[in-house]
Protein backbone atom coordinates (compact mmCIF):
# COMPACT_ATOMS: atom_id res chain seq x y z
CA MET A 1 -0.02 0.21 0.01
CA SER A 2 1.11 3.55 -1.08
CA ARG A 3 2.66 5.69 1.39
CA TYR A 4 2.77 9.68 2.07
CA ILE A 5 5.35 11.38 4.51
CA VAL A 6 4.88 14.88 5.65
CA ALA A 7 6.87 16.17 7.40
CA ILE A 8 5.73 19.53 9.67
CA ALA A 9 8.75 21.61 11.07
CA GLY A 10 8.36 25.35 13.17
CA VAL A 11 9.43 26.88 15.80
CA PRO A 12 8.35 26.54 18.94
CA GLY A 13 4.70 27.39 19.91
CA SER A 14 4.21 28.16 15.96
CA GLY A 15 1.73 25.21 16.01
CA LYS A 16 3.30 22.70 14.76
CA SER A 17 1.08 20.13 16.57
CA THR A 18 -1.99 21.56 16.21
CA THR A 19 -1.84 21.69 12.86
CA ALA A 20 -0.52 18.09 12.15
CA ASN A 21 -3.06 17.24 13.98
CA ALA A 22 -5.98 18.73 12.54
CA VAL A 23 -5.04 17.90 9.19
CA SER A 24 -4.77 13.81 10.46
CA LYS A 25 -8.25 14.45 11.18
CA CYS A 26 -9.50 15.89 8.42
CA ILE A 27 -8.16 13.10 5.79
CA ASN A 28 -9.31 9.93 8.92
CA ALA A 29 -13.45 12.20 8.71
CA ILE A 30 -13.34 12.72 4.67
CA GLN A 31 -11.69 8.89 4.31
CA GLN A 32 -14.72 7.43 6.71
CA LYS A 33 -17.45 9.18 5.13
CA LYS A 34 -16.67 7.96 1.66
CA SER A 35 -15.50 4.64 3.36
CA ALA A 36 -17.06 1.60 5.60
CA SER A 37 -14.23 1.34 6.98
CA GLU A 38 -13.48 3.05 10.71
CA GLN A 39 -9.96 2.09 10.08
CA ASP A 40 -7.97 5.97 9.97
CA TRP A 41 -5.44 6.90 7.38
CA ALA A 42 -3.55 9.40 8.09
CA ILE A 43 -1.89 9.65 11.22
CA HIS A 44 1.04 12.02 13.67
CA VAL A 45 4.18 10.96 14.91
CA PRO A 46 5.95 13.91 16.43
CA MET A 47 9.33 14.75 16.76
CA ASP A 48 8.85 14.72 20.59
CA GLY A 49 9.39 11.04 21.53
CA PHE A 50 13.06 10.95 20.23
CA HIS A 51 14.88 13.24 23.53
CA LEU A 52 17.22 12.25 24.96
CA THR A 53 16.25 10.33 28.51
CA ARG A 54 16.80 11.98 31.13
CA MET A 55 19.94 9.16 32.09
CA GLN A 56 21.05 9.50 28.27
CA LEU A 57 21.22 12.75 29.78
CA ASP A 58 23.07 12.35 32.69
CA ASN A 59 25.09 10.75 31.33
CA LEU A 60 26.82 13.07 29.32
CA PRO A 61 30.01 15.05 30.32
CA ASN A 62 28.12 18.62 29.87
CA ALA A 63 24.33 17.11 31.22
CA GLU A 64 23.94 20.31 33.21
CA GLU A 65 23.83 22.62 30.47
CA ALA A 66 22.54 19.46 28.60
CA TYR A 67 19.54 19.69 31.19
CA LEU A 68 19.09 23.59 31.00
CA ARG A 69 19.60 23.26 26.97
CA ARG A 70 16.86 20.48 26.80
CA GLY A 71 14.81 20.92 23.64
CA ALA A 72 18.42 22.42 21.30
CA ASP A 73 18.76 19.48 18.28
CA TRP A 74 21.91 18.39 19.85
CA THR A 75 19.30 17.19 22.96
CA PHE A 76 17.58 14.94 20.81
CA ASP A 77 18.47 11.37 18.91
CA ALA A 78 18.47 12.71 15.67
CA ASP A 79 19.34 9.17 14.28
CA GLN A 80 16.86 7.55 16.31
CA PHE A 81 14.41 9.68 14.62
CA VAL A 82 15.55 10.03 10.72
CA GLU A 83 15.60 6.08 10.95
CA SER A 84 12.40 6.06 12.69
CA ILE A 85 10.94 7.58 9.86
CA ARG A 86 13.21 5.27 7.12
CA ASP A 87 11.35 2.78 8.82
CA ILE A 88 7.99 3.82 8.15
CA ARG A 89 8.34 4.75 4.33
CA HIS A 90 10.47 1.07 3.88
CA ALA A 91 8.28 -1.43 6.11
CA GLY A 92 4.86 0.79 6.94
CA PHE A 93 4.38 0.33 10.29
CA GLY A 94 5.78 -0.47 13.65
CA GLU A 95 5.79 1.27 17.13
CA TYR A 96 7.37 4.77 18.23
CA PRO A 97 8.38 6.54 21.21
CA SER A 98 5.97 9.42 22.49
CA PHE A 99 6.40 12.14 25.01
CA ASP A 100 5.15 12.44 28.44
CA HIS A 101 5.52 15.83 29.83
CA ALA A 102 4.77 15.57 33.33
CA LEU A 103 7.47 12.71 34.17
CA GLY A 104 9.65 14.42 31.62
CA ASP A 105 10.59 10.74 28.98
CA PRO A 106 9.27 9.17 25.78
CA VAL A 107 7.13 6.80 26.30
CA ALA A 108 8.65 4.05 24.68
CA GLY A 109 6.01 1.98 21.81
CA ASP A 110 3.63 4.08 22.24
CA ILE A 111 2.52 5.47 19.25
CA LYS A 112 2.06 2.72 16.77
CA VAL A 113 2.37 3.15 12.55
CA CYS A 114 -0.02 0.59 10.74
CA LYS A 115 0.69 -0.33 7.00
CA GLU A 116 -3.24 1.09 6.58
CA HIS A 117 -2.10 4.85 7.13
CA ARG A 118 -1.41 6.06 4.02
CA VAL A 119 -0.89 9.11 5.48
CA VAL A 120 2.20 10.36 8.09
CA LEU A 121 2.52 13.35 9.64
CA VAL A 122 6.15 13.73 11.02
CA GLU A 123 6.20 17.01 12.79
CA GLY A 124 8.49 18.52 14.84
CA ASN A 125 11.54 21.61 15.18
CA TYR A 126 14.50 20.50 13.44
CA LEU A 127 12.87 18.79 10.18
CA LEU A 128 14.39 21.34 7.63
CA LEU A 129 17.61 21.84 9.88
CA ASP A 130 20.92 21.74 6.87
CA LYS A 131 23.24 18.95 9.92
CA ALA A 132 23.36 15.43 9.48
CA PRO A 133 21.41 13.63 9.93
CA TRP A 134 18.78 15.80 9.69
CA THR A 135 19.18 16.53 6.59
CA GLU A 136 17.73 13.39 4.94
CA ILE A 137 15.29 13.65 5.99
CA ARG A 138 14.19 15.51 3.35
CA ASN A 139 15.25 12.82 0.77
CA ILE A 140 12.67 10.60 3.13
CA ALA A 141 9.56 13.13 3.27
CA ASP A 142 7.50 13.31 -0.08
CA GLU A 143 6.89 17.01 1.24
CA THR A 144 7.85 19.51 3.85
CA TRP A 145 5.74 22.11 5.14
CA PHE A 146 7.55 24.86 7.28
CA VAL A 147 4.43 26.65 10.58
CA ASP A 148 4.76 29.78 9.97
CA CYS A 149 4.67 32.13 12.94
CA SER A 150 6.60 34.99 14.40
CA VAL A 151 9.20 34.17 16.79
CA GLU A 152 7.88 36.75 19.15
CA VAL A 153 4.16 35.67 19.09
CA ALA A 154 5.70 31.85 19.58
CA MET A 155 8.07 32.94 22.22
CA GLN A 156 4.65 34.46 23.90
CA ARG A 157 3.20 31.75 23.57
CA VAL A 158 5.92 28.92 24.98
CA LEU A 159 5.79 31.24 27.92
CA ARG A 160 1.62 31.33 28.68
CA ARG A 161 2.48 26.93 27.70
CA GLN A 162 4.82 27.00 30.65
CA THR A 163 3.02 28.83 33.28
CA GLY A 164 0.54 27.02 32.79
CA ASN A 165 2.06 23.64 33.48
CA GLY A 166 2.79 25.21 36.40
CA VAL A 167 6.60 26.81 35.95
CA ALA A 168 7.07 30.17 37.78
CA PRO A 169 6.90 32.99 35.80
CA GLU A 170 10.70 34.21 36.28
CA VAL A 171 11.97 30.77 35.44
CA ALA A 172 9.86 30.41 32.15
CA ARG A 173 10.97 33.89 31.01
CA LYS A 174 14.69 32.68 31.82
CA ARG A 175 13.42 29.20 29.89
CA VAL A 176 12.44 30.80 26.66
CA VAL A 177 15.62 33.57 26.86
CA THR A 178 18.40 31.14 27.15
CA ASN A 179 16.79 28.14 25.68
CA ASP A 180 13.52 28.89 23.72
CA LEU A 181 14.15 32.23 21.61
CA PRO A 182 17.97 30.84 20.40
CA ASN A 183 16.46 27.81 19.32
CA ALA A 184 13.80 29.67 17.35
CA LEU A 185 15.70 31.87 16.18
CA GLN A 186 18.00 28.66 14.24
CA ILE A 187 14.77 27.07 13.16
CA ALA A 188 13.43 29.98 11.80
CA ALA A 189 16.20 30.05 9.26
CA THR A 190 15.08 27.06 8.10
CA LYS A 191 12.09 27.81 6.57
CA ASP A 192 13.14 28.92 2.68
CA ARG A 193 13.73 24.37 2.42
CA ALA A 194 10.34 23.61 2.80
CA ASP A 195 7.80 22.64 0.50
CA LEU A 196 4.78 24.87 1.56
CA VAL A 197 4.86 27.46 3.49
CA LEU A 198 1.71 27.94 5.63
CA PRO A 199 0.68 30.69 7.96
CA ALA A 200 -0.05 29.50 11.87
CA LEU A 201 -3.35 28.79 13.44
CA PRO A 202 -4.98 31.36 15.27
CA MET A 203 -3.81 30.36 18.86
CA SER A 204 -2.09 27.16 18.78
CA CYS A 205 0.74 26.36 20.87
């Protein structure tokens, strides 16, 4: 069965997950109207599940910095992420990790891609990064999208999200300035590599 892979990138707080979920729900709703089957055709596979675990961060020589910069491109298992997308392309099925924000760690095998999933929406910050192994994603995916949101608006959303999750405002502001903002500026520079640039959905984060 043919499979179509869309890689969706964007800065933190741009609404990548919101966009991927909205598109997959729309595809599945259309499919279910046309078919007697309730099997979804589209599924969302986020990059978040490929964060390095806390144990892996602890074992890094710069563990303290790694925790402070968690969310930077080098705090993900990029090789495993790229290999997983390649598995979806060639095998057509498999189990992939999600991320539990309460635990602060990935959850192995939480997302199940079936052969019946014809559209796979892969989403994450660094999918258009011009740096190995991230560059391989553009060769594996059928299309690349970028969710376009101004860095200023995105950082306001990230700040609201962190404080809404119980982080003290002063701590959240420091995180945004020292980590989320540098990451966002790096990611924003990758927009021109996308096949399609989409406006961010209102209030998505």
